[in-house]
C-alpha atoms as a PDB file:
ATOM      1  CA  MET A   1       1.513   4.383 -17.047  1.00  0.00           C
ATOM      2  CA  ASP A   2      -1.091   6.454 -15.156  1.00  0.00           C
ATOM      3  CA  TYR A   3      -1.467   6.099 -11.413  1.00  0.00           C
ATOM      4  CA  ILE A   4      -3.575   8.400  -9.317  1.00  0.00           C
ATOM      5  CA  GLU A   5      -5.067   8.293  -5.765  1.00  0.00           C
ATOM      6  CA  HIS A   6      -8.371   9.732  -4.611  1.00  0.00           C
ATOM      7  CA  PRO A   7      -8.640  10.489  -0.863  1.00  0.00           C
ATOM      8  CA  ALA A   8     -11.631   8.919   0.871  1.00  0.00           C
ATOM      9  CA  PRO A   9     -14.671  11.174   1.611  1.00  0.00           C
ATOM     10  CA  GLU A  10     -14.745  12.464   5.191  1.00  0.00           C
ATOM     11  CA  ASP A  11     -17.274   9.979   6.372  1.00  0.00           C
ATOM     12  CA  LEU A  12     -15.065   7.028   5.253  1.00  0.00           C
ATOM     13  CA  ARG A  13     -11.660   8.323   6.272  1.00  0.00           C
ATOM     14  CA  ARG A  14     -11.670   6.280   9.501  1.00  0.00           C
ATOM     15  CA  TYR A  15     -11.841   3.119   7.447  1.00  0.00           C
ATOM     16  CA  VAL A  16     -10.396   3.883   3.990  1.00  0.00           C
ATOM     17  CA  ARG A  17      -7.162   5.735   3.254  1.00  0.00           C
ATOM     18  CA  CYS A  18      -7.708   6.214  -0.457  1.00  0.00           C
ATOM     19  CA  LEU A  19      -9.024   4.701  -3.683  1.00  0.00           C
ATOM     20  CA  TRP A  20      -6.459   4.352  -6.422  1.00  0.00           C
ATOM     21  CA  GLN A  21      -6.356   3.584 -10.131  1.00  0.00           C
ATOM     22  CA  LEU A  22      -3.527   2.170 -12.268  1.00  0.00           C
ATOM     23  CA  ARG A  23      -3.864   2.137 -15.965  1.00  0.00           C
ATOM     24  CA  ASP A  24      -1.363   1.173 -18.654  1.00  0.00           C
ATOM     25  CA  ASP A  25      -2.728   0.290 -22.092  1.00  0.00           C
ATOM     26  CA  ALA A  26       0.626  -0.703 -23.478  1.00  0.00           C
ATOM     27  CA  PRO A  27       2.795  -2.034 -20.561  1.00  0.00           C
ATOM     28  CA  GLY A  28       6.171  -3.534 -21.209  1.00  0.00           C
ATOM     29  CA  ASP A  29       7.127  -6.953 -19.913  1.00  0.00           C
ATOM     30  CA  ASP A  30       9.514  -5.575 -17.276  1.00  0.00           C
ATOM     31  CA  ILE A  31       8.932  -6.510 -13.643  1.00  0.00           C
ATOM     32  CA  GLN A  32       7.653  -3.571 -11.538  1.00  0.00           C
ATOM     33  CA  VAL A  33       7.968  -3.442  -7.759  1.00  0.00           C
ATOM     34  CA  ILE A  34       5.818  -1.947  -4.940  1.00  0.00           C
ATOM     35  CA  TYR A  35       6.909  -1.779  -1.300  1.00  0.00           C
ATOM     36  CA  PRO A  36       5.064  -2.422   1.896  1.00  0.00           C
ATOM     37  CA  ASP A  37       3.128   0.447   3.325  1.00  0.00           C
ATOM     38  CA  GLY A  38       1.336  -1.072   6.264  1.00  0.00           C
ATOM     39  CA  CYS A  39      -2.143  -1.141   4.476  1.00  0.00           C
ATOM     40  CA  CYS A  40      -4.265  -3.942   3.222  1.00  0.00           C
ATOM     41  CA  GLU A  41      -6.103  -3.473  -0.049  1.00  0.00           C
ATOM     42  CA  LEU A  42      -9.184  -4.578  -2.008  1.00  0.00           C
ATOM     43  CA  LEU A  43      -8.149  -5.004  -5.619  1.00  0.00           C
ATOM     44  CA  ALA A  44     -10.242  -5.140  -8.824  1.00  0.00           C
ATOM     45  CA  GLU A  45      -8.169  -6.062 -11.858  1.00  0.00           C
ATOM     46  CA  LEU A  46     -10.549  -5.004 -14.653  1.00  0.00           C
ATOM     47  CA  GLY A  47      -7.827  -5.446 -17.386  1.00  0.00           C
ATOM     48  CA  VAL A  48      -5.604  -8.468 -17.769  1.00  0.00           C
ATOM     49  CA  PRO A  49      -4.705  -9.663 -14.243  1.00  0.00           C
ATOM     50  CA  LEU A  50      -1.047  -8.987 -13.307  1.00  0.00           C
ATOM     51  CA  ARG A  51       1.419 -11.774 -12.702  1.00  0.00           C
ATOM     52  CA  MET A  52       3.057 -11.863  -9.240  1.00  0.00           C
ATOM     53  CA  HIS A  53       6.616 -13.053  -8.933  1.00  0.00           C
ATOM     54  CA  ALA A  54       6.681 -14.704  -5.487  1.00  0.00           C
ATOM     55  CA  ALA A  55       9.702 -14.870  -3.215  1.00  0.00           C
ATOM     56  CA  ASP A  56       9.765 -18.718  -3.748  1.00  0.00           C
ATOM     57  CA  GLY A  57      10.401 -18.124  -7.477  1.00  0.00           C
ATOM     58  CA  GLN A  58       6.878 -19.106  -8.606  1.00  0.00           C
ATOM     59  CA  VAL A  59       4.861 -16.884 -10.913  1.00  0.00           C
ATOM     60  CA  ARG A  60       1.196 -16.630 -10.198  1.00  0.00           C
ATOM     61  CA  SER A  61      -1.609 -14.711 -11.958  1.00  0.00           C
ATOM     62  CA  ASP A  62      -3.588 -12.473  -9.656  1.00  0.00           C
ATOM     63  CA  GLN A  63      -7.305 -13.138  -9.202  1.00  0.00           C
ATOM     64  CA  PRO A  64      -9.550 -10.527 -10.802  1.00  0.00           C
ATOM     65  CA  PHE A  65     -10.878  -9.539  -7.412  1.00  0.00           C
ATOM     66  CA  CYS A  66      -8.542 -10.165  -4.501  1.00  0.00           C
ATOM     67  CA  PHE A  67      -7.514  -9.051  -1.044  1.00  0.00           C
ATOM     68  CA  ALA A  68      -3.885  -7.908  -0.775  1.00  0.00           C
ATOM     69  CA  ALA A  69      -2.931  -8.649   2.865  1.00  0.00           C
ATOM     70  CA  GLN A  70      -0.007  -7.215   4.663  1.00  0.00           C
ATOM     71  CA  GLN A  71       3.285  -7.707   2.829  1.00  0.00           C
ATOM     72  CA  ARG A  72       6.632  -7.980   4.555  1.00  0.00           C
ATOM     73  CA  GLY A  73       8.763  -7.617   1.518  1.00  0.00           C
ATOM     74  CA  PRO A  74       8.747  -6.266  -2.089  1.00  0.00           C
ATOM     75  CA  VAL A  75       5.859  -7.229  -4.336  1.00  0.00           C
ATOM     76  CA  ARG A  76       7.087  -7.959  -7.877  1.00  0.00           C
ATOM     77  CA  LEU A  77       4.434  -7.579 -10.589  1.00  0.00           C
ATOM     78  CA  GLN A  78       4.521  -8.122 -14.312  1.00  0.00           C
ATOM     79  CA  ALA A  79       1.941  -7.149 -16.881  1.00  0.00           C
ATOM     80  CA  ALA A  80       0.427  -9.869 -19.151  1.00  0.00           C
ATOM     81  CA  GLY A  81      -1.636  -7.418 -21.146  1.00  0.00           C
ATOM     82  CA  PRO A  82      -3.368  -4.021 -20.805  1.00  0.00           C
ATOM     83  CA  VAL A  83      -3.538  -3.071 -17.119  1.00  0.00           C
ATOM     84  CA  PHE A  84      -6.591  -1.401 -15.454  1.00  0.00           C
ATOM     85  CA  CYS A  85      -6.606  -1.847 -11.690  1.00  0.00           C
ATOM     86  CA  ILE A  86      -8.779  -0.148  -9.068  1.00  0.00           C
ATOM     87  CA  GLY A  87      -7.673  -0.533  -5.466  1.00  0.00           C
ATOM     88  CA  VAL A  88      -9.193   0.431  -2.122  1.00  0.00           C
ATOM     89  CA  ARG A  89      -6.446   1.065   0.397  1.00  0.00           C
ATOM     90  CA  LEU A  90      -7.853   0.370   3.888  1.00  0.00           C
ATOM     91  CA  GLN A  91      -6.754   2.180   7.006  1.00  0.00           C
ATOM     92  CA  PRO A  92      -4.449  -0.165   8.947  1.00  0.00           C
ATOM     93  CA  ALA A  93      -6.872  -0.597  11.905  1.00  0.00           C
ATOM     94  CA  ALA A  94      -9.602  -1.525   9.456  1.00  0.00           C
ATOM     95  CA  SER A  95      -7.561  -4.267   7.846  1.00  0.00           C
ATOM     96  CA  ALA A  96      -9.856  -7.027   9.146  1.00  0.00           C
ATOM     97  CA  LEU A  97     -12.904  -5.654   7.361  1.00  0.00           C
ATOM     98  CA  VAL A  98     -13.166  -8.623   5.097  1.00  0.00           C
ATOM     99  CA  ALA A  99     -10.741 -11.269   6.511  1.00  0.00           C
ATOM    100  CA  GLY A 100     -11.784 -10.994  10.187  1.00  0.00           C
ATOM    101  CA  ALA A 101      -9.867 -13.438  12.396  1.00  0.00           C
ATOM    102  CA  ARG A 102      -8.125 -14.936   9.370  1.00  0.00           C
ATOM    103  CA  LEU A 103      -6.120 -11.737   8.765  1.00  0.00           C
ATOM    104  CA  PRO A 104      -2.818 -12.632  10.527  1.00  0.00           C
ATOM    105  CA  GLY A 105      -2.582 -15.859   8.593  1.00  0.00           C
ATOM    106  CA  LEU A 106      -2.884 -14.062   5.263  1.00  0.00           C
ATOM    107  CA  ARG A 107       0.339 -12.133   5.535  1.00  0.00           C
ATOM    108  CA  ASP A 108       2.371 -12.116   2.267  1.00  0.00           C
ATOM    109  CA  HIS A 109      -0.653 -13.392   0.313  1.00  0.00           C
ATOM    110  CA  ALA A 110      -3.305 -11.962  -2.027  1.00  0.00           C
ATOM    111  CA  PRO A 111      -6.211 -14.479  -1.869  1.00  0.00           C
ATOM    112  CA  ASP A 112      -9.258 -14.418  -4.125  1.00  0.00           C
ATOM    113  CA  LEU A 113     -11.794 -12.153  -2.487  1.00  0.00           C
ATOM    114  CA  HIS A 114     -14.552 -14.706  -3.192  1.00  0.00           C
ATOM    115  CA  THR A 115     -12.843 -17.255  -0.958  1.00  0.00           C
ATOM    116  CA  LEU A 116     -12.977 -14.803   1.957  1.00  0.00           C
ATOM    117  CA  ASP A 117     -16.510 -13.605   1.534  1.00  0.00           C
ATOM    118  CA  ASP A 118     -18.359 -14.365  -1.631  1.00  0.00           C
ATOM    119  CA  THR A 119     -21.241 -11.948  -0.929  1.00  0.00           C
ATOM    120  CA  PHE A 120     -18.817  -9.110  -0.203  1.00  0.00           C
ATOM    121  CA  ALA A 121     -16.767  -9.986  -3.318  1.00  0.00           C
ATOM    122  CA  ARG A 122     -19.781  -9.889  -5.617  1.00  0.00           C
ATOM    123  CA  ALA A 123     -20.883  -6.510  -4.307  1.00  0.00           C
ATOM    124  CA  PHE A 124     -17.324  -5.091  -4.569  1.00  0.00           C
ATOM    125  CA  ALA A 125     -17.015  -6.403  -8.130  1.00  0.00           C
ATOM    126  CA  ALA A 126     -20.328  -4.777  -9.136  1.00  0.00           C
ATOM    127  CA  ALA A 127     -19.329  -1.458  -7.502  1.00  0.00           C
ATOM    128  CA  ALA A 128     -15.871  -1.434  -9.186  1.00  0.00           C
ATOM    129  CA  ARG A 129     -17.384  -2.099 -12.579  1.00  0.00           C
ATOM    130  CA  ALA A 130     -20.063   0.572 -12.055  1.00  0.00           C
ATOM    131  CA  SER A 131     -17.371   3.131 -11.022  1.00  0.00           C
ATOM    132  CA  ALA A 132     -15.335   2.283 -14.134  1.00  0.00           C
ATOM    133  CA  ALA A 133     -18.395   2.546 -16.374  1.00  0.00           C
ATOM    134  CA  ALA A 134     -19.530   5.822 -14.895  1.00  0.00           C
ATOM    135  CA  ASP A 135     -16.103   7.358 -14.691  1.00  0.00           C
ATOM    136  CA  ASP A 136     -16.935   8.180 -11.124  1.00  0.00           C
ATOM    137  CA  PRO A 137     -15.738   6.629  -7.815  1.00  0.00           C
ATOM    138  CA  GLU A 138     -19.103   7.201  -6.085  1.00  0.00           C
ATOM    139  CA  PRO A 139     -20.466   3.650  -6.612  1.00  0.00           C
ATOM    140  CA  LEU A 140     -17.431   2.336  -4.698  1.00  0.00           C
ATOM    141  CA  TRP A 141     -17.782   4.975  -1.986  1.00  0.00           C
ATOM    142  CA  GLN A 142     -21.425   3.890  -1.585  1.00  0.00           C
ATOM    143  CA  PHE A 143     -20.403   0.181  -1.413  1.00  0.00           C
ATOM    144  CA  LEU A 144     -17.780   1.005   1.228  1.00  0.00           C
ATOM    145  CA  ARG A 145     -20.272   2.945   3.347  1.00  0.00           C
ATOM    146  CA  GLN A 146     -22.470  -0.096   3.517  1.00  0.00           C
ATOM    147  CA  ALA A 147     -19.618  -2.476   4.101  1.00  0.00           C
ATOM    148  CA  CYS A 148     -18.097  -0.411   6.976  1.00  0.00           C
ATOM    149  CA  ALA A 149     -21.410   0.427   8.677  1.00  0.00           C
ATOM    150  CA  ASP A 150     -21.363  -2.689  10.954  1.00  0.00           C
ATOM    151  CA  PHE A 151     -17.565  -3.012  11.254  1.00  0.00           C
ATOM    152  CA  THR A 152     -16.190  -2.270  14.690  1.00  0.00           C
ATOM    153  CA  MET A 153     -12.554  -1.300  15.058  1.00  0.00           C
ATOM    154  CA  ASP A 154     -10.366  -1.805  18.098  1.00  0.00           C
ATOM    155  CA  ALA A 155     -10.128   1.800  19.426  1.00  0.00           C
ATOM    156  CA  LYS A 156      -6.777   1.110  21.254  1.00  0.00           C
ATOM    157  CA  ILE A 157      -5.178  -0.234  18.059  1.00  0.00           C
ATOM    158  CA  GLU A 158      -6.603   2.641  16.027  1.00  0.00           C
ATOM    159  CA  LYS A 159      -4.864   4.998  18.471  1.00  0.00           C
ATOM    160  CA  ALA A 160      -1.701   2.929  18.357  1.00  0.00           C
ATOM    161  CA  VAL A 161      -1.569   3.245  14.581  1.00  0.00           C
ATOM    162  CA  ALA A 162      -2.110   6.969  14.787  1.00  0.00           C
ATOM    163  CA  LEU A 163       0.770   7.327  17.306  1.00  0.00           C
ATOM    164  CA  LEU A 164       3.143   5.250  15.097  1.00  0.00           C
ATOM    165  CA  ASP A 165       2.065   7.235  12.056  1.00  0.00           C
ATOM    166  CA  ALA A 166       2.698  10.551  13.833  1.00  0.00           C
ATOM    167  CA  ALA A 167       6.190   9.345  14.861  1.00  0.00           C
ATOM    168  CA  ALA A 168       6.843   7.947  11.348  1.00  0.00           C
ATOM    169  CA  GLY A 169       7.535   4.661  13.026  1.00  0.00           C
ATOM    170  CA  ASP A 170      10.345   5.989  15.201  1.00  0.00           C
ATOM    171  CA  MET A 171       8.886   4.874  18.512  1.00  0.00           C
ATOM    172  CA  ARG A 172       9.678   1.971  20.891  1.00  0.00           C
ATOM    173  CA  ILE A 173       6.879  -0.514  21.188  1.00  0.00           C
ATOM    174  CA  SER A 174       7.197  -0.563  24.976  1.00  0.00           C
ATOM    175  CA  ALA A 175       6.617   3.197  25.046  1.00  0.00           C
ATOM    176  CA  LEU A 176       3.673   2.762  22.743  1.00  0.00           C
ATOM    177  CA  ALA A 177       2.077   0.242  25.011  1.00  0.00           C
ATOM    178  CA  LYS A 178       2.686   2.510  28.008  1.00  0.00           C
ATOM    179  CA  SER A 179       1.042   5.514  26.229  1.00  0.00           C
ATOM    180  CA  LEU A 180      -2.019   3.378  25.543  1.00  0.00           C
ATOM    181  CA  GLY A 181      -2.312   2.239  29.125  1.00  0.00           C
ATOM    182  CA  ILE A 182      -1.974  -1.434  28.237  1.00  0.00           C
ATOM    183  CA  SER A 183       0.710  -4.063  28.691  1.00  0.00           C
ATOM    184  CA  LEU A 184       3.020  -5.031  25.876  1.00  0.00           C
ATOM    185  CA  ARG A 185       1.660  -8.590  26.199  1.00  0.00           C
ATOM    186  CA  THR A 186      -1.814  -7.244  25.470  1.00  0.00           C
ATOM    187  CA  LEU A 187      -0.797  -4.884  22.743  1.00  0.00           C
ATOM    188  CA  GLN A 188       1.058  -7.518  20.569  1.00  0.00           C
ATOM    189  CA  PRO A 189      -1.838  -9.875  19.809  1.00  0.00           C
ATOM    190  CA  ARG A 190      -4.481  -7.146  19.540  1.00  0.00           C
ATOM    191  CA  PHE A 191      -2.391  -5.211  17.049  1.00  0.00           C
ATOM    192  CA  LEU A 192      -1.685  -8.340  14.972  1.00  0.00           C
ATOM    193  CA  ALA A 193      -5.351  -9.252  14.908  1.00  0.00           C
ATOM    194  CA  ALA A 194      -6.491  -5.761  13.846  1.00  0.00           C
ATOM    195  CA  VAL A 195      -3.646  -4.670  11.469  1.00  0.00           C
ATOM    196  CA  GLY A 196      -2.340  -7.990  10.222  1.00  0.00           C
ATOM    197  CA  MET A 197       1.312  -7.420  11.284  1.00  0.00           C
ATOM    198  CA  THR A 198       3.062  -6.897  14.635  1.00  0.00           C
ATOM    199  CA  PRO A 199       3.468  -3.375  15.989  1.00  0.00           C
ATOM    200  CA  LYS A 200       7.216  -3.657  15.490  1.00  0.00           C
ATOM    201  CA  GLU A 201       6.723  -4.657  11.829  1.00  0.00           C
ATOM    202  CA  TYR A 202       4.305  -1.864  11.310  1.00  0.00           C
ATOM    203  CA  ALA A 203       6.688   0.676  12.853  1.00  0.00           C
ATOM    204  CA  ARG A 204       9.539  -0.458  10.550  1.00  0.00           C
ATOM    205  CA  VAL A 205       7.176  -0.145   7.540  1.00  0.00           C
ATOM    206  CA  ARG A 206       6.161   3.414   8.501  1.00  0.00           C
ATOM    207  CA  ARG A 207       9.818   4.383   9.066  1.00  0.00           C
ATOM    208  CA  LEU A 208      10.693   2.856   5.645  1.00  0.00           C
ATOM    209  CA  GLN A 209       7.936   4.903   3.945  1.00  0.00           C
ATOM    210  CA  ALA A 210       9.185   8.057   5.586  1.00  0.00           C
ATOM    211  CA  LEU A 211      12.676   7.402   4.462  1.00  0.00           C
ATOM    212  CA  LEU A 212      11.519   6.688   0.896  1.00  0.00           C
ATOM    213  CA  GLN A 213       9.554   9.978   0.808  1.00  0.00           C
ATOM    214  CA  SER A 214      12.601  11.857   2.116  1.00  0.00           C
ATOM    215  CA  LEU A 215      14.793  10.344  -0.550  1.00  0.00           C
ATOM    216  CA  ASP A 216      12.236  11.269  -3.191  1.00  0.00           C
ATOM    217  CA  GLU A 217      11.544  14.805  -2.076  1.00  0.00           C
ATOM    218  CA  GLU A 218      15.050  15.975  -1.012  1.00  0.00           C
ATOM    219  CA  HIS A 219      18.574  15.871  -2.154  1.00  0.00           C
ATOM    220  CA  ALA A 220      19.901  14.685   1.252  1.00  0.00           C
ATOM    221  CA  ASP A 221      22.275  11.638   1.099  1.00  0.00           C
ATOM    222  CA  ILE A 222      21.071   8.375   2.527  1.00  0.00           C
ATOM    223  CA  ALA A 223      23.000   8.651   5.749  1.00  0.00           C
ATOM    224  CA  THR A 224      21.504  12.034   6.606  1.00  0.00           C
ATOM    225  CA  ALA A 225      17.988  10.972   5.690  1.00  0.00           C
ATOM    226  CA  ALA A 226      18.421   7.698   7.719  1.00  0.00           C
ATOM    227  CA  ALA A 227      19.622   9.510  10.814  1.00  0.00           C
ATOM    228  CA  ARG A 228      16.598  11.838  10.644  1.00  0.00           C
ATOM    229  CA  HIS A 229      14.239   8.848  10.648  1.00  0.00           C
ATOM    230  CA  GLY A 230      15.716   7.057  13.604  1.00  0.00           C
ATOM    231  CA  TYR A 231      18.089   4.654  12.021  1.00  0.00           C
ATOM    232  CA  SER A 232      21.185   4.148  14.147  1.00  0.00           C
ATOM    233  CA  ASP A 233      23.479   4.351  11.182  1.00  0.00           C
ATOM    234  CA  GLN A 234      23.559   4.042   7.371  1.00  0.00           C
ATOM    235  CA  SER A 235      24.259   0.334   7.384  1.00  0.00           C
ATOM    236  CA  HIS A 236      21.105  -0.203   9.475  1.00  0.00           C
ATOM    237  CA  ALA A 237      19.103   1.793   6.977  1.00  0.00           C
ATOM    238  CA  THR A 238      20.660  -0.055   4.090  1.00  0.00           C
ATOM    239  CA  HIS A 239      19.809  -3.398   5.680  1.00  0.00           C
ATOM    240  CA  ASP A 240      16.160  -2.388   6.127  1.00  0.00           C
ATOM    241  CA  LEU A 241      15.927  -1.005   2.626  1.00  0.00           C
ATOM    242  CA  VAL A 242      17.246  -4.210   1.017  1.00  0.00           C
ATOM    243  CA  ARG A 243      15.043  -6.405   3.180  1.00  0.00           C
ATOM    244  CA  TRP A 244      11.870  -4.457   2.598  1.00  0.00           C
ATOM    245  CA  THR A 245      12.329  -3.303  -0.947  1.00  0.00           C
ATOM    246  CA  GLY A 246      14.781  -5.816  -2.499  1.00  0.00           C
ATOM    247  CA  SER A 247      16.795  -2.886  -3.935  1.00  0.00           C
ATOM    248  CA  THR A 248      20.019  -1.184  -2.894  1.00  0.00           C
ATOM    249  CA  PRO A 249      19.824   2.452  -1.688  1.00  0.00           C
ATOM    250  CA  GLY A 250      21.557   3.490  -4.912  1.00  0.00           C
ATOM    251  CA  ALA A 251      18.846   1.832  -7.116  1.00  0.00           C
ATOM    252  CA  LEU A 252      16.059   3.390  -5.013  1.00  0.00           C
ATOM    253  CA  VAL A 253      17.503   6.897  -5.253  1.00  0.00           C
ATOM    254  CA  GLN A 254      17.905   6.489  -9.055  1.00  0.00           C
ATOM    255  CA  ALA A 255      14.278   5.314  -9.343  1.00  0.00           C
ATOM    256  CA  LEU A 256      12.871   8.091  -7.208  1.00  0.00           C
ATOM    257  CA  ARG A 257      15.019  11.030  -8.424  1.00  0.00           C
ATOM    258  CA  GLY A 258      15.910  10.009 -11.861  1.00  0.00           C
ATOM    259  CA  ASP A 259      14.059   9.386 -15.070  1.00  0.00           C
ATOM    260  CA  ARG A 260      11.246   7.094 -14.163  1.00  0.00           C
ATOM    261  CA  ASP A 261      10.625   6.256 -17.851  1.00  0.00           C
ATOM    262  CA  GLY A 262      14.146   4.997 -18.279  1.00  0.00           C
ATOM    263  CA  ASP A 263      15.029   1.273 -18.554  1.00  0.00           C
ATOM    264  CA  ASP A 264      16.209   1.094 -14.959  1.00  0.00           C
ATOM    265  CA  ALA A 265      13.494   3.102 -13.361  1.00  0.00           C
ATOM    266  CA  LEU A 266      11.162   1.591 -10.858  1.00  0.00           C
ATOM    267  CA  ARG A 267       8.179   3.462 -12.226  1.00  0.00           C
ATOM    268  CA  LEU A 268       5.443   1.827 -10.211  1.00  0.00           C
ATOM    269  CA  ALA A 269       7.417   2.033  -6.966  1.00  0.00           C
ATOM    270  CA  ALA A 270       7.958   5.723  -7.440  1.00  0.00           C
ATOM    271  CA  ALA A 271       4.307   6.323  -8.306  1.00  0.00           C
ATOM    272  CA  PHE A 272       3.098   4.520  -5.143  1.00  0.00           C
ATOM    273  CA  VAL A 273       5.553   6.502  -3.002  1.00  0.00           C
ATOM    274  CA  ARG A 274       4.304   9.787  -4.480  1.00  0.00           C
ATOM    275  CA  GLY A 275       0.593   8.878  -4.800  1.00  0.00           C
ATOM    276  CA  THR A 276       0.580   9.792  -8.434  1.00  0.00           C
ATOM    277  CA  SER A 277       2.466   9.146 -11.715  1.00  0.00           C
ATOM    278  CA  GLU A 278       2.980  12.871 -12.314  1.00  0.00           C
ATOM    279  CA  ARG A 279       6.421  13.975 -13.116  1.00  0.00           C
ATOM    280  CA  ARG A 280       8.189  16.174 -10.569  1.00  0.00           C
ATOM    281  CA  ASN A 281      11.464  16.704 -12.323  1.00  0.00           C
ATOM    282  CA  GLN A 282      12.549  20.295 -12.069  1.00  0.00           C
ATOM    283  CA  GLY A 283       9.278  21.268 -10.502  1.00  0.00           C
ATOM    284  CA  LEU A 284       7.271  20.442 -13.733  1.00  0.00           C
ATOM    285  CA  ALA A 285       4.318  18.047 -13.495  1.00  0.00           C
ATOM    286  CA  ARG A 286       2.690  16.020 -16.253  1.00  0.00           C
ATOM    287  CA  ARG A 287      -0.966  16.205 -15.346  1.00  0.00           C
ATOM    288  CA  ILE A 288      -3.041  13.078 -15.855  1.00  0.00           C
ATOM    289  CA  PRO A 289      -5.974  13.958 -18.143  1.00  0.00           C
ATOM    290  CA  LYS A 290      -9.290  13.703 -16.312  1.00  0.00           C
ATOM    291  CA  ALA A 291     -10.686  11.411 -18.999  1.00  0.00           C
ATOM    292  CA  THR A 292      -8.147   8.700 -18.037  1.00  0.00           C
ATOM    293  CA  ALA A 293      -9.132   8.646 -14.363  1.00  0.00           C
ATOM    294  CA  TRP A 294     -11.538   5.753 -14.705  1.00  0.00           C
ATOM    295  CA  VAL A 295     -11.952   4.687 -18.347  1.00  0.00           C
END
């Protein structure tokens, strides 16, 4: 499995966090998991579309071009053949780029992009295919420049996201509203409309991501890492981890610190936390060959 992220060019960083690629020519049939990160994504599944195992027990095949809205729990995916996905991770305050006012109602779903905006979907599909064929992300960057040109973000919510990111989610929402100079009653619906989740949900996701990164990068135990990221105690951290990831702390630590190619490793989850599928065991990295970046 090869997973790699490309940071957005400077002129797009206000709207796009990164562009990523996932490729696995010979995936197993094990279920892989990714965790909420507070970002919506545009997805082009140029290989065989993945199967999503929903919380209701149903298994659905992804659409080739879809919009992954905000998720409030683990996303369980299973390969049905060779995987080749390209994703555009939007900045949280730019989440409504495609969905507009429909964004809050799309939580925990990944609808067909054509149903949201057929013209947008066709242009995105063409750009994704062109990037793959040229082994170059530039066609997608050009598409995104055009798509973002007329999109206006809520400046207050953009600042709210920046403050929560800077605090790694460890910030009271009442204090956030006060720092923005608006009431909590005003903040709540504006944040939901722009980001696709409530400010409290977003704060919890950011704190979760910070905790996952600490568990990945350090050898601190869960209690120590949880206290650093504002959890009142280890049981509170454990509750949040199980709710948002579907895994126990022990399983997460094993996935992040252990052998990600082992039978029990959550390889995709670890790659998304790190932003790459490179190994970091004992300080040694397995570099992804440049030729596999797009083709």
